[in-house]
N, C-alpha and C. Protein backbone atom coordinates (compact mmCIF):
# COMPACT_ATOMS: atom_id res chain seq x y z
N MET A 1 -16.59 -5.59 -14.34
CA MET A 1 -15.30 -6.06 -13.88
C MET A 1 -14.74 -5.09 -12.83
N PRO A 2 -14.21 -5.60 -11.72
CA PRO A 2 -13.72 -4.72 -10.66
C PRO A 2 -12.46 -3.96 -11.07
N GLU A 3 -12.29 -2.80 -10.48
CA GLU A 3 -11.04 -2.05 -10.65
C GLU A 3 -9.92 -2.84 -9.98
N SER A 4 -8.69 -2.65 -10.45
CA SER A 4 -7.54 -3.35 -9.89
C SER A 4 -6.48 -2.35 -9.46
N TRP A 5 -6.05 -2.48 -8.22
CA TRP A 5 -5.08 -1.55 -7.64
C TRP A 5 -3.99 -2.30 -6.89
N VAL A 6 -2.78 -1.81 -7.01
CA VAL A 6 -1.70 -2.14 -6.08
C VAL A 6 -1.77 -1.05 -5.02
N ILE A 7 -1.77 -1.43 -3.74
CA ILE A 7 -1.76 -0.42 -2.68
C ILE A 7 -0.53 -0.63 -1.81
N ASP A 8 -0.10 0.44 -1.18
CA ASP A 8 1.02 0.29 -0.26
C ASP A 8 0.54 0.39 1.19
N ALA A 9 1.47 0.19 2.10
CA ALA A 9 1.13 0.15 3.52
C ALA A 9 0.61 1.49 4.03
N SER A 10 0.96 2.58 3.37
CA SER A 10 0.47 3.89 3.82
C SER A 10 -1.04 3.99 3.68
N VAL A 11 -1.61 3.26 2.74
CA VAL A 11 -3.06 3.24 2.56
C VAL A 11 -3.68 2.32 3.61
N ALA A 12 -3.18 1.11 3.71
CA ALA A 12 -3.74 0.14 4.66
C ALA A 12 -3.61 0.60 6.11
N ALA A 13 -2.55 1.30 6.43
CA ALA A 13 -2.36 1.77 7.81
C ALA A 13 -3.50 2.67 8.25
N LYS A 14 -4.07 3.40 7.32
CA LYS A 14 -5.18 4.31 7.66
C LYS A 14 -6.44 3.55 8.06
N TRP A 15 -6.52 2.29 7.72
CA TRP A 15 -7.67 1.49 8.13
C TRP A 15 -7.65 1.25 9.63
N TYR A 16 -6.48 1.41 10.24
CA TYR A 16 -6.31 1.13 11.67
C TYR A 16 -5.91 2.37 12.48
N LEU A 17 -5.12 3.24 11.91
CA LEU A 17 -4.65 4.44 12.61
C LEU A 17 -5.55 5.60 12.22
N ARG A 18 -6.47 5.90 13.07
CA ARG A 18 -7.56 6.81 12.72
C ARG A 18 -7.27 8.28 12.99
N ASP A 19 -6.02 8.62 13.26
CA ASP A 19 -5.67 10.03 13.49
C ASP A 19 -4.91 10.62 12.31
N GLU A 20 -5.14 10.08 11.12
CA GLU A 20 -4.41 10.50 9.94
C GLU A 20 -5.32 11.19 8.94
N ALA A 21 -4.72 11.80 7.93
CA ALA A 21 -5.47 12.46 6.87
C ALA A 21 -5.98 11.43 5.86
N ASN A 22 -6.97 11.82 5.10
CA ASN A 22 -7.52 11.03 4.00
C ASN A 22 -8.16 9.72 4.44
N LEU A 23 -8.74 9.72 5.63
CA LEU A 23 -9.40 8.51 6.14
C LEU A 23 -10.63 8.16 5.30
N GLU A 24 -11.34 9.16 4.82
CA GLU A 24 -12.54 8.91 4.02
C GLU A 24 -12.18 8.13 2.75
N GLN A 25 -11.08 8.54 2.11
CA GLN A 25 -10.65 7.85 0.89
C GLN A 25 -10.15 6.44 1.22
N ALA A 26 -9.41 6.30 2.30
CA ALA A 26 -8.91 4.97 2.70
C ALA A 26 -10.08 4.03 3.01
N ASP A 27 -11.07 4.56 3.71
CA ASP A 27 -12.26 3.75 4.01
C ASP A 27 -13.00 3.37 2.73
N ALA A 28 -13.06 4.29 1.77
CA ALA A 28 -13.73 4.01 0.50
C ALA A 28 -13.03 2.87 -0.24
N VAL A 29 -11.71 2.85 -0.19
CA VAL A 29 -10.93 1.77 -0.82
C VAL A 29 -11.27 0.44 -0.15
N GLN A 30 -11.22 0.44 1.17
CA GLN A 30 -11.50 -0.80 1.91
C GLN A 30 -12.93 -1.27 1.67
N ASN A 31 -13.89 -0.36 1.70
CA ASN A 31 -15.29 -0.74 1.49
C ASN A 31 -15.51 -1.28 0.08
N ALA A 32 -14.89 -0.65 -0.91
CA ALA A 32 -15.02 -1.13 -2.30
C ALA A 32 -14.41 -2.52 -2.43
N HIS A 33 -13.30 -2.75 -1.74
CA HIS A 33 -12.68 -4.08 -1.74
C HIS A 33 -13.59 -5.11 -1.07
N ASP A 34 -14.14 -4.74 0.07
CA ASP A 34 -15.03 -5.65 0.80
C ASP A 34 -16.28 -6.02 -0.02
N ARG A 35 -16.76 -5.07 -0.84
CA ARG A 35 -17.94 -5.31 -1.68
C ARG A 35 -17.59 -6.10 -2.95
N GLY A 36 -16.29 -6.20 -3.25
CA GLY A 36 -15.87 -6.88 -4.47
C GLY A 36 -15.81 -5.97 -5.68
N ASP A 37 -15.93 -4.66 -5.45
CA ASP A 37 -15.86 -3.70 -6.55
C ASP A 37 -14.42 -3.38 -6.95
N VAL A 38 -13.49 -3.68 -6.06
CA VAL A 38 -12.08 -3.37 -6.26
C VAL A 38 -11.25 -4.58 -5.85
N VAL A 39 -10.27 -4.90 -6.68
CA VAL A 39 -9.29 -5.93 -6.34
C VAL A 39 -8.02 -5.21 -5.90
N LEU A 40 -7.50 -5.60 -4.75
CA LEU A 40 -6.29 -4.99 -4.21
C LEU A 40 -5.20 -6.05 -4.08
N THR A 41 -3.98 -5.64 -4.35
CA THR A 41 -2.85 -6.52 -4.10
C THR A 41 -1.65 -5.66 -3.74
N ALA A 42 -0.59 -6.33 -3.32
CA ALA A 42 0.65 -5.66 -2.91
C ALA A 42 1.77 -6.68 -2.98
N PRO A 43 3.02 -6.20 -2.94
CA PRO A 43 4.14 -7.15 -2.86
C PRO A 43 4.10 -7.92 -1.55
N ARG A 44 4.78 -9.03 -1.49
CA ARG A 44 4.76 -9.93 -0.34
C ARG A 44 5.10 -9.23 0.97
N PHE A 45 6.06 -8.33 0.96
CA PHE A 45 6.51 -7.70 2.20
C PHE A 45 5.49 -6.71 2.78
N PHE A 46 4.43 -6.43 2.05
CA PHE A 46 3.37 -5.52 2.49
C PHE A 46 2.86 -5.87 3.88
N SER A 47 2.63 -7.15 4.13
CA SER A 47 2.11 -7.58 5.44
C SER A 47 3.07 -7.20 6.56
N TYR A 48 4.35 -7.38 6.31
CA TYR A 48 5.35 -7.02 7.33
C TYR A 48 5.35 -5.52 7.56
N GLU A 49 5.22 -4.77 6.47
CA GLU A 49 5.25 -3.32 6.57
C GLU A 49 4.03 -2.78 7.33
N VAL A 50 2.86 -3.31 7.05
CA VAL A 50 1.64 -2.86 7.76
C VAL A 50 1.76 -3.16 9.25
N LEU A 51 2.20 -4.37 9.57
CA LEU A 51 2.35 -4.73 10.98
C LEU A 51 3.42 -3.87 11.67
N ALA A 52 4.47 -3.51 10.95
CA ALA A 52 5.49 -2.62 11.52
C ALA A 52 4.92 -1.23 11.78
N VAL A 53 4.09 -0.73 10.88
CA VAL A 53 3.47 0.58 11.08
C VAL A 53 2.58 0.55 12.32
N ILE A 54 1.82 -0.52 12.47
CA ILE A 54 0.97 -0.65 13.65
C ILE A 54 1.82 -0.68 14.92
N ARG A 55 2.91 -1.42 14.89
CA ARG A 55 3.81 -1.49 16.05
C ARG A 55 4.42 -0.12 16.35
N ASN A 56 4.86 0.59 15.31
CA ASN A 56 5.48 1.90 15.51
C ASN A 56 4.49 2.93 16.04
N ALA A 57 3.22 2.73 15.77
CA ALA A 57 2.20 3.66 16.28
C ALA A 57 2.11 3.60 17.80
N ILE A 58 2.50 2.48 18.40
CA ILE A 58 2.55 2.40 19.87
C ILE A 58 3.64 3.33 20.38
N ALA A 59 4.82 3.22 19.79
CA ALA A 59 5.96 4.04 20.23
C ALA A 59 5.66 5.53 20.08
N ALA A 60 4.91 5.88 19.03
CA ALA A 60 4.55 7.28 18.80
C ALA A 60 3.34 7.71 19.63
N ARG A 61 2.81 6.78 20.42
CA ARG A 61 1.66 7.03 21.29
C ARG A 61 0.40 7.41 20.53
N HIS A 62 0.28 6.86 19.31
CA HIS A 62 -0.94 7.07 18.53
C HIS A 62 -2.01 6.04 18.88
N ILE A 63 -1.55 4.88 19.35
CA ILE A 63 -2.46 3.82 19.76
C ILE A 63 -1.89 3.12 20.99
N THR A 64 -2.73 2.39 21.66
CA THR A 64 -2.29 1.63 22.84
C THR A 64 -1.81 0.25 22.41
N PRO A 65 -1.06 -0.43 23.27
CA PRO A 65 -0.68 -1.81 22.95
C PRO A 65 -1.90 -2.71 22.72
N ALA A 66 -2.98 -2.47 23.45
CA ALA A 66 -4.20 -3.27 23.24
C ALA A 66 -4.79 -3.00 21.86
N ASP A 67 -4.79 -1.73 21.43
CA ASP A 67 -5.25 -1.40 20.07
C ASP A 67 -4.37 -2.10 19.04
N ALA A 68 -3.08 -2.04 19.24
CA ALA A 68 -2.15 -2.66 18.31
C ALA A 68 -2.40 -4.15 18.18
N ALA A 69 -2.63 -4.81 19.29
CA ALA A 69 -2.92 -6.25 19.26
C ALA A 69 -4.21 -6.52 18.49
N ARG A 70 -5.22 -5.70 18.72
CA ARG A 70 -6.50 -5.88 18.02
C ARG A 70 -6.36 -5.60 16.53
N PHE A 71 -5.67 -4.51 16.18
CA PHE A 71 -5.49 -4.15 14.77
C PHE A 71 -4.66 -5.20 14.04
N SER A 72 -3.62 -5.69 14.70
CA SER A 72 -2.78 -6.72 14.08
C SER A 72 -3.60 -7.97 13.81
N GLN A 73 -4.41 -8.35 14.77
CA GLN A 73 -5.28 -9.52 14.60
C GLN A 73 -6.26 -9.31 13.45
N GLN A 74 -6.85 -8.12 13.38
CA GLN A 74 -7.78 -7.82 12.29
C GLN A 74 -7.09 -7.88 10.94
N PHE A 75 -5.89 -7.31 10.88
CA PHE A 75 -5.16 -7.30 9.60
C PHE A 75 -4.81 -8.72 9.16
N VAL A 76 -4.28 -9.51 10.06
CA VAL A 76 -3.90 -10.89 9.72
C VAL A 76 -5.14 -11.69 9.32
N ALA A 77 -6.25 -11.48 10.01
CA ALA A 77 -7.48 -12.20 9.71
C ALA A 77 -8.10 -11.77 8.38
N SER A 78 -7.72 -10.59 7.89
CA SER A 78 -8.30 -10.10 6.64
C SER A 78 -7.86 -10.92 5.43
N GLU A 79 -6.83 -11.70 5.59
CA GLU A 79 -6.33 -12.56 4.52
C GLU A 79 -6.08 -11.78 3.23
N PHE A 80 -5.50 -10.62 3.37
CA PHE A 80 -5.14 -9.80 2.21
C PHE A 80 -4.18 -10.60 1.34
N VAL A 81 -4.47 -10.69 0.07
CA VAL A 81 -3.67 -11.51 -0.84
C VAL A 81 -2.54 -10.68 -1.43
N THR A 82 -1.32 -11.14 -1.19
CA THR A 82 -0.17 -10.49 -1.79
C THR A 82 0.23 -11.24 -3.06
N ALA A 83 0.92 -10.55 -3.94
CA ALA A 83 1.25 -11.09 -5.25
C ALA A 83 2.45 -12.03 -5.18
N PRO A 84 2.28 -13.28 -5.58
CA PRO A 84 3.39 -14.22 -5.53
C PRO A 84 4.55 -13.84 -6.45
N GLU A 85 4.24 -13.12 -7.54
CA GLU A 85 5.32 -12.74 -8.45
C GLU A 85 6.33 -11.81 -7.79
N SER A 86 5.95 -11.18 -6.69
CA SER A 86 6.85 -10.24 -6.02
C SER A 86 7.95 -10.95 -5.24
N GLU A 87 7.98 -12.25 -5.25
CA GLU A 87 9.01 -13.00 -4.53
C GLU A 87 10.14 -13.47 -5.44
N SER A 88 10.01 -13.32 -6.74
CA SER A 88 11.03 -13.85 -7.65
C SER A 88 12.27 -12.97 -7.67
N ASP A 89 13.40 -13.60 -7.96
CA ASP A 89 14.66 -12.85 -8.06
C ASP A 89 14.59 -11.82 -9.18
N LEU A 90 13.98 -12.18 -10.29
CA LEU A 90 13.86 -11.27 -11.42
C LEU A 90 13.03 -10.04 -11.05
N PHE A 91 11.94 -10.26 -10.33
CA PHE A 91 11.11 -9.15 -9.87
C PHE A 91 11.94 -8.20 -9.00
N LEU A 92 12.70 -8.75 -8.07
CA LEU A 92 13.53 -7.93 -7.17
C LEU A 92 14.56 -7.13 -7.95
N LEU A 93 15.18 -7.74 -8.94
CA LEU A 93 16.18 -7.03 -9.75
C LEU A 93 15.53 -5.91 -10.56
N ARG A 94 14.36 -6.17 -11.12
CA ARG A 94 13.67 -5.12 -11.87
C ARG A 94 13.26 -3.96 -10.95
N ALA A 95 12.81 -4.29 -9.75
CA ALA A 95 12.45 -3.24 -8.78
C ALA A 95 13.69 -2.43 -8.39
N HIS A 96 14.80 -3.10 -8.24
CA HIS A 96 16.04 -2.40 -7.89
C HIS A 96 16.43 -1.42 -8.99
N ARG A 97 16.36 -1.86 -10.24
CA ARG A 97 16.66 -0.97 -11.37
C ARG A 97 15.69 0.21 -11.41
N LEU A 98 14.43 -0.06 -11.11
CA LEU A 98 13.42 0.99 -11.09
C LEU A 98 13.73 2.02 -10.00
N SER A 99 14.16 1.55 -8.84
CA SER A 99 14.49 2.48 -7.75
C SER A 99 15.64 3.40 -8.15
N LEU A 100 16.62 2.86 -8.88
CA LEU A 100 17.75 3.68 -9.34
C LEU A 100 17.30 4.67 -10.41
N ARG A 101 16.45 4.22 -11.33
CA ARG A 101 15.97 5.08 -12.41
C ARG A 101 15.11 6.20 -11.86
N TYR A 102 14.21 5.91 -10.94
CA TYR A 102 13.27 6.90 -10.43
C TYR A 102 13.80 7.69 -9.22
N GLY A 103 14.87 7.21 -8.61
CA GLY A 103 15.40 7.91 -7.44
C GLY A 103 14.52 7.75 -6.21
N CYS A 104 13.82 6.63 -6.13
CA CYS A 104 12.95 6.37 -4.98
C CYS A 104 13.54 5.21 -4.17
N SER A 105 12.95 4.95 -3.03
CA SER A 105 13.44 3.85 -2.20
C SER A 105 13.18 2.51 -2.89
N PHE A 106 13.95 1.52 -2.53
CA PHE A 106 13.76 0.19 -3.07
C PHE A 106 12.36 -0.33 -2.71
N TYR A 107 11.92 -0.06 -1.48
CA TYR A 107 10.61 -0.53 -1.05
C TYR A 107 9.49 0.10 -1.88
N ASP A 108 9.59 1.40 -2.16
CA ASP A 108 8.61 2.03 -3.04
C ASP A 108 8.66 1.42 -4.44
N ALA A 109 9.86 1.11 -4.89
CA ALA A 109 10.03 0.53 -6.23
C ALA A 109 9.40 -0.86 -6.33
N LEU A 110 9.34 -1.59 -5.23
CA LEU A 110 8.67 -2.89 -5.25
C LEU A 110 7.19 -2.73 -5.61
N TYR A 111 6.55 -1.74 -5.03
CA TYR A 111 5.15 -1.47 -5.36
C TYR A 111 5.02 -0.99 -6.82
N LEU A 112 5.91 -0.10 -7.22
CA LEU A 112 5.87 0.42 -8.58
C LEU A 112 6.08 -0.69 -9.60
N GLU A 113 7.04 -1.56 -9.35
CA GLU A 113 7.31 -2.67 -10.27
C GLU A 113 6.11 -3.60 -10.37
N LEU A 114 5.47 -3.88 -9.25
CA LEU A 114 4.30 -4.75 -9.29
C LEU A 114 3.18 -4.10 -10.12
N ALA A 115 2.96 -2.82 -9.92
CA ALA A 115 1.94 -2.12 -10.70
C ALA A 115 2.27 -2.17 -12.19
N GLU A 116 3.53 -1.95 -12.53
CA GLU A 116 3.93 -1.99 -13.93
C GLU A 116 3.77 -3.40 -14.50
N GLU A 117 4.19 -4.38 -13.73
CA GLU A 117 4.11 -5.77 -14.20
C GLU A 117 2.66 -6.21 -14.44
N LEU A 118 1.77 -5.83 -13.53
CA LEU A 118 0.37 -6.22 -13.65
C LEU A 118 -0.44 -5.31 -14.58
N GLY A 119 0.09 -4.12 -14.84
CA GLY A 119 -0.66 -3.13 -15.62
C GLY A 119 -1.78 -2.50 -14.82
N TRP A 120 -1.61 -2.45 -13.49
CA TRP A 120 -2.62 -1.89 -12.59
C TRP A 120 -2.16 -0.51 -12.13
N ARG A 121 -3.09 0.25 -11.58
CA ARG A 121 -2.74 1.53 -10.95
C ARG A 121 -2.19 1.25 -9.55
N PHE A 122 -1.40 2.18 -9.07
CA PHE A 122 -0.77 2.07 -7.76
C PHE A 122 -1.27 3.22 -6.89
N LEU A 123 -1.85 2.88 -5.74
CA LEU A 123 -2.43 3.86 -4.82
C LEU A 123 -1.55 3.98 -3.59
N THR A 124 -1.16 5.20 -3.28
CA THR A 124 -0.33 5.48 -2.11
C THR A 124 -0.82 6.73 -1.41
N ALA A 125 -0.54 6.82 -0.13
CA ALA A 125 -0.82 8.04 0.62
C ALA A 125 0.43 8.90 0.76
N GLU A 126 1.52 8.44 0.16
CA GLU A 126 2.81 9.13 0.27
C GLU A 126 2.90 10.28 -0.74
N ARG A 127 2.64 11.47 -0.27
CA ARG A 127 2.67 12.65 -1.14
C ARG A 127 4.05 12.85 -1.77
N ARG A 128 5.08 12.60 -0.99
CA ARG A 128 6.44 12.79 -1.50
C ARG A 128 6.69 11.89 -2.71
N LEU A 129 6.19 10.68 -2.67
CA LEU A 129 6.37 9.76 -3.79
C LEU A 129 5.60 10.22 -5.01
N THR A 130 4.38 10.68 -4.83
CA THR A 130 3.59 11.14 -5.98
C THR A 130 4.20 12.40 -6.58
N GLN A 131 4.78 13.25 -5.75
CA GLN A 131 5.44 14.45 -6.28
C GLN A 131 6.70 14.07 -7.06
N LEU A 132 7.44 13.12 -6.54
CA LEU A 132 8.68 12.68 -7.19
C LEU A 132 8.39 12.07 -8.57
N LEU A 133 7.30 11.31 -8.66
CA LEU A 133 7.05 10.53 -9.87
C LEU A 133 5.84 10.99 -10.68
N ALA A 134 5.35 12.18 -10.42
CA ALA A 134 4.12 12.65 -11.07
C ALA A 134 4.15 12.50 -12.59
N ARG A 135 5.25 12.79 -13.21
CA ARG A 135 5.33 12.74 -14.68
C ARG A 135 5.90 11.42 -15.20
N ARG A 136 6.51 10.66 -14.32
CA ARG A 136 7.20 9.45 -14.77
C ARG A 136 6.37 8.19 -14.60
N ALA A 137 5.40 8.22 -13.71
CA ALA A 137 4.59 7.03 -13.44
C ALA A 137 3.11 7.44 -13.45
N PRO A 138 2.52 7.51 -14.64
CA PRO A 138 1.14 7.99 -14.74
C PRO A 138 0.12 7.07 -14.07
N TYR A 139 0.51 5.88 -13.74
CA TYR A 139 -0.38 4.92 -13.06
C TYR A 139 -0.40 5.13 -11.55
N LEU A 140 0.42 6.03 -11.05
CA LEU A 140 0.51 6.31 -9.61
C LEU A 140 -0.56 7.33 -9.22
N VAL A 141 -1.36 6.99 -8.20
CA VAL A 141 -2.44 7.85 -7.74
C VAL A 141 -2.27 8.08 -6.24
N GLU A 142 -2.33 9.34 -5.84
CA GLU A 142 -2.26 9.66 -4.42
C GLU A 142 -3.64 9.43 -3.79
N LEU A 143 -3.65 8.87 -2.61
CA LEU A 143 -4.90 8.51 -1.94
C LEU A 143 -5.88 9.66 -1.86
N ARG A 144 -5.41 10.85 -1.60
CA ARG A 144 -6.32 11.99 -1.47
C ARG A 144 -7.12 12.25 -2.74
N ASN A 145 -6.65 11.71 -3.87
CA ASN A 145 -7.34 11.88 -5.15
C ASN A 145 -8.19 10.67 -5.54
N TYR A 146 -8.25 9.68 -4.65
CA TYR A 146 -9.01 8.46 -4.95
C TYR A 146 -10.50 8.75 -4.94
N GLN A 147 -11.19 8.26 -5.94
CA GLN A 147 -12.65 8.38 -6.00
C GLN A 147 -13.23 7.00 -6.24
N ALA A 148 -14.16 6.61 -5.40
CA ALA A 148 -14.79 5.29 -5.53
C ALA A 148 -15.72 5.25 -6.70
């Protein structure tokens, strides 16, 4: 049975922005997913967030507009499946409560809530988030510690 992970945009962005840390681990996640060894999901807004990161990389001069167009096309064509449960009002309210309890952003709490709801681990490249929640969310794994 494949491993199951909720991932955030910080992980997926590394599939396209190649000047970042932990590319080997990000590639391992993507390759495991492509082979069917790993199931990945995210809240619905994940697609918007990944595309925004790609767009912002142009402004930061990390990629060219042509790269951004190509990466955006690749991402959209990947048909990454987002979790439909992340669209319900109840899900949003639970995520909001989680953000207040953990002291994290609402957007981070959406990923955390989905992981809790599904009983899956949550993979992020955000060191600040893993430091904030190291003892409170044992299902949270920082990308640099990912092992295929």
